[in-house]
Amino acid sequence: MSNNISKSNIAKNIKKLRQEKGILQDRLSKLADLSLNIIVNIEAGNNPNPTIETLEKIAKALGVSIDELLKKVKINYGK
């Protein structure tokens, strides 16, 4: 079950970071030298096992570390 949670975190983190930087999925795919389908599937949580190489490419394209992609999503309850 923790694998599903971490994959969900990866998907959420990539989407959040991409949107914060104002980058569309198509642009991220080009910056990361990956297919658009890979980006879409990872963000949708449909990629069951993104490789470290894929995560490295995405992290580099977003200007973040792999740790940023893997970290747990913090939930703000308005406190």
PDB file of N, CA and C in Angstrom:
ATOM      1  N   MET A   1       0.818  -1.195   0.000  1.00  0.00           N
ATOM      2  CA  MET A   1       0.000   0.000   0.000  1.00  0.00           C
ATOM      3  C   MET A   1       0.860   1.256   0.000  1.00  0.00           C
ATOM      4  N   SER A   2       1.982   1.215   0.676  1.00  0.00           N
ATOM      5  CA  SER A   2       2.840   2.401   0.690  1.00  0.00           C
ATOM      6  C   SER A   2       3.359   2.714  -0.705  1.00  0.00           C
ATOM      7  N   ASN A   3       3.505   1.711  -1.566  1.00  0.00           N
ATOM      8  CA  ASN A   3       3.927   1.976  -2.938  1.00  0.00           C
ATOM      9  C   ASN A   3       2.906   2.824  -3.672  1.00  0.00           C
ATOM     10  N   ASN A   4       1.626   2.547  -3.462  1.00  0.00           N
ATOM     11  CA  ASN A   4       0.585   3.340  -4.102  1.00  0.00           C
ATOM     12  C   ASN A   4       0.610   4.773  -3.597  1.00  0.00           C
ATOM     13  N   ILE A   5       0.859   4.939  -2.307  1.00  0.00           N
ATOM     14  CA  ILE A   5       0.912   6.277  -1.742  1.00  0.00           C
ATOM     15  C   ILE A   5       2.086   7.042  -2.344  1.00  0.00           C
ATOM     16  N   SER A   6       3.255   6.397  -2.421  1.00  0.00           N
ATOM     17  CA  SER A   6       4.418   7.096  -2.958  1.00  0.00           C
ATOM     18  C   SER A   6       4.230   7.415  -4.438  1.00  0.00           C
ATOM     19  N   LYS A   7       3.622   6.533  -5.187  1.00  0.00           N
ATOM     20  CA  LYS A   7       3.373   6.817  -6.601  1.00  0.00           C
ATOM     21  C   LYS A   7       2.406   7.982  -6.735  1.00  0.00           C
ATOM     22  N   SER A   8       1.419   8.013  -5.874  1.00  0.00           N
ATOM     23  CA  SER A   8       0.482   9.118  -5.877  1.00  0.00           C
ATOM     24  C   SER A   8       1.213  10.423  -5.558  1.00  0.00           C
ATOM     25  N   ASN A   9       2.152  10.365  -4.611  1.00  0.00           N
ATOM     26  CA  ASN A   9       2.939  11.547  -4.267  1.00  0.00           C
ATOM     27  C   ASN A   9       3.777  12.009  -5.448  1.00  0.00           C
ATOM     28  N   ILE A  10       4.388  11.072  -6.147  1.00  0.00           N
ATOM     29  CA  ILE A  10       5.192  11.420  -7.318  1.00  0.00           C
ATOM     30  C   ILE A  10       4.321  12.143  -8.339  1.00  0.00           C
ATOM     31  N   ALA A  11       3.159  11.577  -8.631  1.00  0.00           N
ATOM     32  CA  ALA A  11       2.250  12.182  -9.607  1.00  0.00           C
ATOM     33  C   ALA A  11       1.835  13.583  -9.169  1.00  0.00           C
ATOM     34  N   LYS A  12       1.458  13.719  -7.901  1.00  0.00           N
ATOM     35  CA  LYS A  12       1.015  15.021  -7.390  1.00  0.00           C
ATOM     36  C   LYS A  12       2.156  16.034  -7.395  1.00  0.00           C
ATOM     37  N   ASN A  13       3.337  15.593  -6.995  1.00  0.00           N
ATOM     38  CA  ASN A  13       4.480  16.506  -6.939  1.00  0.00           C
ATOM     39  C   ASN A  13       4.883  17.000  -8.315  1.00  0.00           C
ATOM     40  N   ILE A  14       4.924  16.103  -9.281  1.00  0.00           N
ATOM     41  CA  ILE A  14       5.303  16.511 -10.645  1.00  0.00           C
ATOM     42  C   ILE A  14       4.285  17.512 -11.183  1.00  0.00           C
ATOM     43  N   LYS A  15       3.012  17.200 -11.029  1.00  0.00           N
ATOM     44  CA  LYS A  15       1.972  18.103 -11.532  1.00  0.00           C
ATOM     45  C   LYS A  15       2.046  19.455 -10.827  1.00  0.00           C
ATOM     46  N   LYS A  16       2.201  19.448  -9.504  1.00  0.00           N
ATOM     47  CA  LYS A  16       2.264  20.687  -8.729  1.00  0.00           C
ATOM     48  C   LYS A  16       3.460  21.535  -9.154  1.00  0.00           C
ATOM     49  N   LEU A  17       4.631  20.913  -9.238  1.00  0.00           N
ATOM     50  CA  LEU A  17       5.839  21.647  -9.616  1.00  0.00           C
ATOM     51  C   LEU A  17       5.735  22.193 -11.046  1.00  0.00           C
ATOM     52  N   ARG A  18       5.195  21.375 -11.926  1.00  0.00           N
ATOM     53  CA  ARG A  18       5.042  21.795 -13.322  1.00  0.00           C
ATOM     54  C   ARG A  18       4.108  23.001 -13.418  1.00  0.00           C
ATOM     55  N   GLN A  19       2.985  22.927 -12.716  1.00  0.00           N
ATOM     56  CA  GLN A  19       2.020  24.025 -12.764  1.00  0.00           C
ATOM     57  C   GLN A  19       2.572  25.290 -12.107  1.00  0.00           C
ATOM     58  N   GLU A  20       3.314  25.130 -11.007  1.00  0.00           N
ATOM     59  CA  GLU A  20       3.926  26.286 -10.340  1.00  0.00           C
ATOM     60  C   GLU A  20       4.880  27.021 -11.276  1.00  0.00           C
ATOM     61  N   LYS A  21       5.535  26.273 -12.157  1.00  0.00           N
ATOM     62  CA  LYS A  21       6.488  26.871 -13.086  1.00  0.00           C
ATOM     63  C   LYS A  21       5.823  27.312 -14.393  1.00  0.00           C
ATOM     64  N   GLY A  22       4.516  27.065 -14.496  1.00  0.00           N
ATOM     65  CA  GLY A  22       3.780  27.482 -15.688  1.00  0.00           C
ATOM     66  C   GLY A  22       4.156  26.691 -16.930  1.00  0.00           C
ATOM     67  N   ILE A  23       4.515  25.430 -16.738  1.00  0.00           N
ATOM     68  CA  ILE A  23       4.934  24.581 -17.855  1.00  0.00           C
ATOM     69  C   ILE A  23       3.803  23.608 -18.194  1.00  0.00           C
ATOM     70  N   LEU A  24       3.452  23.518 -19.458  1.00  0.00           N
ATOM     71  CA  LEU A  24       2.456  22.547 -19.908  1.00  0.00           C
ATOM     72  C   LEU A  24       3.095  21.168 -20.027  1.00  0.00           C
ATOM     73  N   GLN A  25       2.274  20.136 -19.988  1.00  0.00           N
ATOM     74  CA  GLN A  25       2.786  18.762 -20.089  1.00  0.00           C
ATOM     75  C   GLN A  25       3.613  18.567 -21.354  1.00  0.00           C
ATOM     76  N   ASP A  26       3.159  19.130 -22.448  1.00  0.00           N
ATOM     77  CA  ASP A  26       3.875  18.987 -23.720  1.00  0.00           C
ATOM     78  C   ASP A  26       5.277  19.594 -23.622  1.00  0.00           C
ATOM     79  N   ARG A  27       5.370  20.758 -23.009  1.00  0.00           N
ATOM     80  CA  ARG A  27       6.669  21.429 -22.854  1.00  0.00           C
ATOM     81  C   ARG A  27       7.578  20.617 -21.926  1.00  0.00           C
ATOM     82  N   LEU A  28       7.022  20.104 -20.828  1.00  0.00           N
ATOM     83  CA  LEU A  28       7.816  19.288 -19.911  1.00  0.00           C
ATOM     84  C   LEU A  28       8.351  18.057 -20.625  1.00  0.00           C
ATOM     85  N   SER A  29       7.541  17.445 -21.461  1.00  0.00           N
ATOM     86  CA  SER A  29       7.992  16.249 -22.180  1.00  0.00           C
ATOM     87  C   SER A  29       9.191  16.582 -23.071  1.00  0.00           C
ATOM     88  N   LYS A  30       9.153  17.751 -23.697  1.00  0.00           N
ATOM     89  CA  LYS A  30      10.276  18.164 -24.554  1.00  0.00           C
ATOM     90  C   LYS A  30      11.511  18.505 -23.721  1.00  0.00           C
ATOM     91  N   LEU A  31      11.313  19.228 -22.620  1.00  0.00           N
ATOM     92  CA  LEU A  31      12.439  19.599 -21.756  1.00  0.00           C
ATOM     93  C   LEU A  31      13.112  18.363 -21.154  1.00  0.00           C
ATOM     94  N   ALA A  32      12.299  17.354 -20.844  1.00  0.00           N
ATOM     95  CA  ALA A  32      12.808  16.130 -20.219  1.00  0.00           C
ATOM     96  C   ALA A  32      13.217  15.081 -21.249  1.00  0.00           C
ATOM     97  N   ASP A  33      12.988  15.357 -22.528  1.00  0.00           N
ATOM     98  CA  ASP A  33      13.281  14.400 -23.597  1.00  0.00           C
ATOM     99  C   ASP A  33      12.552  13.079 -23.363  1.00  0.00           C
ATOM    100  N   LEU A  34      11.260  13.214 -23.033  1.00  0.00           N
ATOM    101  CA  LEU A  34      10.386  12.052 -22.820  1.00  0.00           C
ATOM    102  C   LEU A  34       9.144  12.236 -23.680  1.00  0.00           C
ATOM    103  N   SER A  35       8.433  11.164 -23.925  1.00  0.00           N
ATOM    104  CA  SER A  35       7.200  11.291 -24.697  1.00  0.00           C
ATOM    105  C   SER A  35       6.124  11.955 -23.842  1.00  0.00           C
ATOM    106  N   LEU A  36       5.221  12.656 -24.501  1.00  0.00           N
ATOM    107  CA  LEU A  36       4.104  13.282 -23.808  1.00  0.00           C
ATOM    108  C   LEU A  36       3.298  12.218 -23.063  1.00  0.00           C
ATOM    109  N   ASN A  37       3.146  11.065 -23.671  1.00  0.00           N
ATOM    110  CA  ASN A  37       2.387   9.970 -23.069  1.00  0.00           C
ATOM    111  C   ASN A  37       2.969   9.574 -21.706  1.00  0.00           C
ATOM    112  N   ILE A  38       4.279   9.560 -21.588  1.00  0.00           N
ATOM    113  CA  ILE A  38       4.912   9.205 -20.318  1.00  0.00           C
ATOM    114  C   ILE A  38       4.546  10.235 -19.250  1.00  0.00           C
ATOM    115  N   ILE A  39       4.652  11.516 -19.577  1.00  0.00           N
ATOM    116  CA  ILE A  39       4.328  12.578 -18.619  1.00  0.00           C
ATOM    117  C   ILE A  39       2.864  12.486 -18.202  1.00  0.00           C
ATOM    118  N   VAL A  40       1.980  12.348 -19.169  1.00  0.00           N
ATOM    119  CA  VAL A  40       0.543  12.266 -18.886  1.00  0.00           C
ATOM    120  C   VAL A  40       0.248  11.079 -17.975  1.00  0.00           C
ATOM    121  N   ASN A  41       0.823   9.928 -18.294  1.00  0.00           N
ATOM    122  CA  ASN A  41       0.556   8.732 -17.493  1.00  0.00           C
ATOM    123  C   ASN A  41       1.124   8.822 -16.083  1.00  0.00           C
ATOM    124  N   ILE A  42       2.288   9.409 -15.936  1.00  0.00           N
ATOM    125  CA  ILE A  42       2.858   9.570 -14.591  1.00  0.00           C
ATOM    126  C   ILE A  42       1.986  10.509 -13.771  1.00  0.00           C
ATOM    127  N   GLU A  43       1.624  11.649 -14.329  1.00  0.00           N
ATOM    128  CA  GLU A  43       0.802  12.611 -13.589  1.00  0.00           C
ATOM    129  C   GLU A  43      -0.569  12.046 -13.254  1.00  0.00           C
ATOM    130  N   ALA A  44      -1.102  11.208 -14.109  1.00  0.00           N
ATOM    131  CA  ALA A  44      -2.417  10.606 -13.862  1.00  0.00           C
ATOM    132  C   ALA A  44      -2.329   9.433 -12.887  1.00  0.00           C
ATOM    133  N   GLY A  45      -1.105   9.045 -12.531  1.00  0.00           N
ATOM    134  CA  GLY A  45      -0.935   7.907 -11.630  1.00  0.00           C
ATOM    135  C   GLY A  45      -1.061   6.575 -12.346  1.00  0.00           C
ATOM    136  N   ASN A  46      -1.026   6.602 -13.681  1.00  0.00           N
ATOM    137  CA  ASN A  46      -1.183   5.375 -14.464  1.00  0.00           C
ATOM    138  C   ASN A  46       0.127   4.655 -14.735  1.00  0.00           C
ATOM    139  N   ASN A  47       1.256   5.316 -14.478  1.00  0.00           N
ATOM    140  CA  ASN A  47       2.549   4.673 -14.676  1.00  0.00           C
ATOM    141  C   ASN A  47       2.913   3.988 -13.373  1.00  0.00           C
ATOM    142  N   PRO A  48       2.843   2.662 -13.352  1.00  0.00           N
ATOM    143  CA  PRO A  48       3.030   1.943 -12.095  1.00  0.00           C
ATOM    144  C   PRO A  48       4.455   1.982 -11.557  1.00  0.00           C
ATOM    145  N   ASN A  49       5.431   2.305 -12.418  1.00  0.00           N
ATOM    146  CA  ASN A  49       6.810   2.218 -11.960  1.00  0.00           C
ATOM    147  C   ASN A  49       7.727   3.109 -12.796  1.00  0.00           C
ATOM    148  N   PRO A  50       7.657   4.439 -12.587  1.00  0.00           N
ATOM    149  CA  PRO A  50       8.575   5.287 -13.353  1.00  0.00           C
ATOM    150  C   PRO A  50      10.022   4.965 -12.976  1.00  0.00           C
ATOM    151  N   THR A  51      10.875   4.877 -13.962  1.00  0.00           N
ATOM    152  CA  THR A  51      12.277   4.534 -13.692  1.00  0.00           C
ATOM    153  C   THR A  51      13.004   5.723 -13.084  1.00  0.00           C
ATOM    154  N   ILE A  52      14.125   5.427 -12.439  1.00  0.00           N
ATOM    155  CA  ILE A  52      14.961   6.485 -11.882  1.00  0.00           C
ATOM    156  C   ILE A  52      15.425   7.410 -13.008  1.00  0.00           C
ATOM    157  N   GLU A  53      15.753   6.838 -14.156  1.00  0.00           N
ATOM    158  CA  GLU A  53      16.182   7.655 -15.302  1.00  0.00           C
ATOM    159  C   GLU A  53      15.087   8.645 -15.702  1.00  0.00           C
ATOM    160  N   THR A  54      13.848   8.171 -15.732  1.00  0.00           N
ATOM    161  CA  THR A  54      12.719   9.042 -16.069  1.00  0.00           C
ATOM    162  C   THR A  54      12.560  10.141 -15.031  1.00  0.00           C
ATOM    163  N   LEU A  55      12.644   9.768 -13.761  1.00  0.00           N
ATOM    164  CA  LEU A  55      12.516  10.755 -12.689  1.00  0.00           C
ATOM    165  C   LEU A  55      13.653  11.762 -12.725  1.00  0.00           C
ATOM    166  N   GLU A  56      14.849  11.302 -13.058  1.00  0.00           N
ATOM    167  CA  GLU A  56      16.001  12.214 -13.180  1.00  0.00           C
ATOM    168  C   GLU A  56      15.759  13.243 -14.279  1.00  0.00           C
ATOM    169  N   LYS A  57      15.239  12.790 -15.411  1.00  0.00           N
ATOM    170  CA  LYS A  57      14.976  13.691 -16.535  1.00  0.00           C
ATOM    171  C   LYS A  57      13.910  14.728 -16.179  1.00  0.00           C
ATOM    172  N   ILE A  58      12.862  14.268 -15.501  1.00  0.00           N
ATOM    173  CA  ILE A  58      11.784  15.180 -15.109  1.00  0.00           C
ATOM    174  C   ILE A  58      12.292  16.182 -14.078  1.00  0.00           C
ATOM    175  N   ALA A  59      13.034  15.688 -13.096  1.00  0.00           N
ATOM    176  CA  ALA A  59      13.581  16.573 -12.054  1.00  0.00           C
ATOM    177  C   ALA A  59      14.477  17.634 -12.677  1.00  0.00           C
ATOM    178  N   LYS A  60      15.343  17.233 -13.577  1.00  0.00           N
ATOM    179  CA  LYS A  60      16.252  18.180 -14.233  1.00  0.00           C
ATOM    180  C   LYS A  60      15.459  19.220 -15.030  1.00  0.00           C
ATOM    181  N   ALA A  61      14.443  18.756 -15.751  1.00  0.00           N
ATOM    182  CA  ALA A  61      13.625  19.669 -16.555  1.00  0.00           C
ATOM    183  C   ALA A  61      12.881  20.676 -15.678  1.00  0.00           C
ATOM    184  N   LEU A  62      12.508  20.260 -14.470  1.00  0.00           N
ATOM    185  CA  LEU A  62      11.788  21.143 -13.550  1.00  0.00           C
ATOM    186  C   LEU A  62      12.736  21.943 -12.661  1.00  0.00           C
ATOM    187  N   GLY A  63      14.023  21.617 -12.718  1.00  0.00           N
ATOM    188  CA  GLY A  63      15.001  22.334 -11.903  1.00  0.00           C
ATOM    189  C   GLY A  63      14.919  21.992 -10.426  1.00  0.00           C
ATOM    190  N   VAL A  64      14.562  20.732 -10.135  1.00  0.00           N
ATOM    191  CA  VAL A  64      14.461  20.280  -8.753  1.00  0.00           C
ATOM    192  C   VAL A  64      15.231  18.978  -8.584  1.00  0.00           C
ATOM    193  N   SER A  65      15.364  18.541  -7.342  1.00  0.00           N
ATOM    194  CA  SER A  65      16.002  17.253  -7.079  1.00  0.00           C
ATOM    195  C   SER A  65      14.972  16.131  -7.168  1.00  0.00           C
ATOM    196  N   ILE A  66      15.464  14.923  -7.307  1.00  0.00           N
ATOM    197  CA  ILE A  66      14.559  13.769  -7.295  1.00  0.00           C
ATOM    198  C   ILE A  66      13.833  13.702  -5.961  1.00  0.00           C
ATOM    199  N   ASP A  67      14.507  14.095  -4.890  1.00  0.00           N
ATOM    200  CA  ASP A  67      13.875  14.118  -3.569  1.00  0.00           C
ATOM    201  C   ASP A  67      12.590  14.941  -3.580  1.00  0.00           C
ATOM    202  N   GLU A  68      12.605  16.058  -4.320  1.00  0.00           N
ATOM    203  CA  GLU A  68      11.405  16.896  -4.409  1.00  0.00           C
ATOM    204  C   GLU A  68      10.251  16.139  -5.063  1.00  0.00           C
ATOM    205  N   LEU A  69      10.568  15.287  -6.022  1.00  0.00           N
ATOM    206  CA  LEU A  69       9.522  14.517  -6.698  1.00  0.00           C
ATOM    207  C   LEU A  69       8.984  13.406  -5.808  1.00  0.00           C
ATOM    208  N   LEU A  70       9.835  12.901  -4.911  1.00  0.00           N
ATOM    209  CA  LEU A  70       9.461  11.758  -4.087  1.00  0.00           C
ATOM    210  C   LEU A  70       8.866  12.124  -2.737  1.00  0.00           C
ATOM    211  N   LYS A  71       9.017  13.371  -2.318  1.00  0.00           N
ATOM    212  CA  LYS A  71       8.575  13.730  -0.966  1.00  0.00           C
ATOM    213  C   LYS A  71       7.075  13.581  -0.799  1.00  0.00           C
ATOM    214  N   LYS A  72       6.709  13.372   0.452  1.00  0.00           N
ATOM    215  CA  LYS A  72       5.273  13.258   0.764  1.00  0.00           C
ATOM    216  C   LYS A  72       4.616  14.597   0.572  1.00  0.00           C
ATOM    217  N   VAL A  73       3.415  14.545   0.053  1.00  0.00           N
ATOM    218  CA  VAL A  73       2.655  15.772  -0.165  1.00  0.00           C
ATOM    219  C   VAL A  73       2.119  16.245   1.178  1.00  0.00           C
ATOM    220  N   LYS A  74       2.413  17.501   1.481  1.00  0.00           N
ATOM    221  CA  LYS A  74       1.927  18.083   2.738  1.00  0.00           C
ATOM    222  C   LYS A  74       0.536  18.625   2.523  1.00  0.00           C
ATOM    223  N   ILE A  75      -0.325  18.304   3.438  1.00  0.00           N
ATOM    224  CA  ILE A  75      -1.703  18.779   3.361  1.00  0.00           C
ATOM    225  C   ILE A  75      -1.858  19.955   4.315  1.00  0.00           C
ATOM    226  N   ASN A  76      -2.344  21.052   3.796  1.00  0.00           N
ATOM    227  CA  ASN A  76      -2.566  22.242   4.608  1.00  0.00           C
ATOM    228  C   ASN A  76      -4.036  22.261   5.012  1.00  0.00           C
ATOM    229  N   TYR A  77      -4.278  22.148   6.298  1.00  0.00           N
ATOM    230  CA  TYR A  77      -5.646  22.143   6.802  1.00  0.00           C
ATOM    231  C   TYR A  77      -6.094  23.534   7.228  1.00  0.00           C
ATOM    232  N   GLY A  78      -5.430  24.547   6.723  1.00  0.00           N
ATOM    233  CA  GLY A  78      -5.816  25.903   7.028  1.00  0.00           C
ATOM    234  C   GLY A  78      -5.293  26.411   8.360  1.00  0.00           C
ATOM    235  N   LYS A  79      -4.324  25.726   8.929  1.00  0.00           N
ATOM    236  CA  LYS A  79      -3.768  26.136  10.224  1.00  0.00           C
ATOM    237  C   LYS A  79      -2.585  27.037  10.018  1.00  0.00           C
TER     238      LYS A  79
END
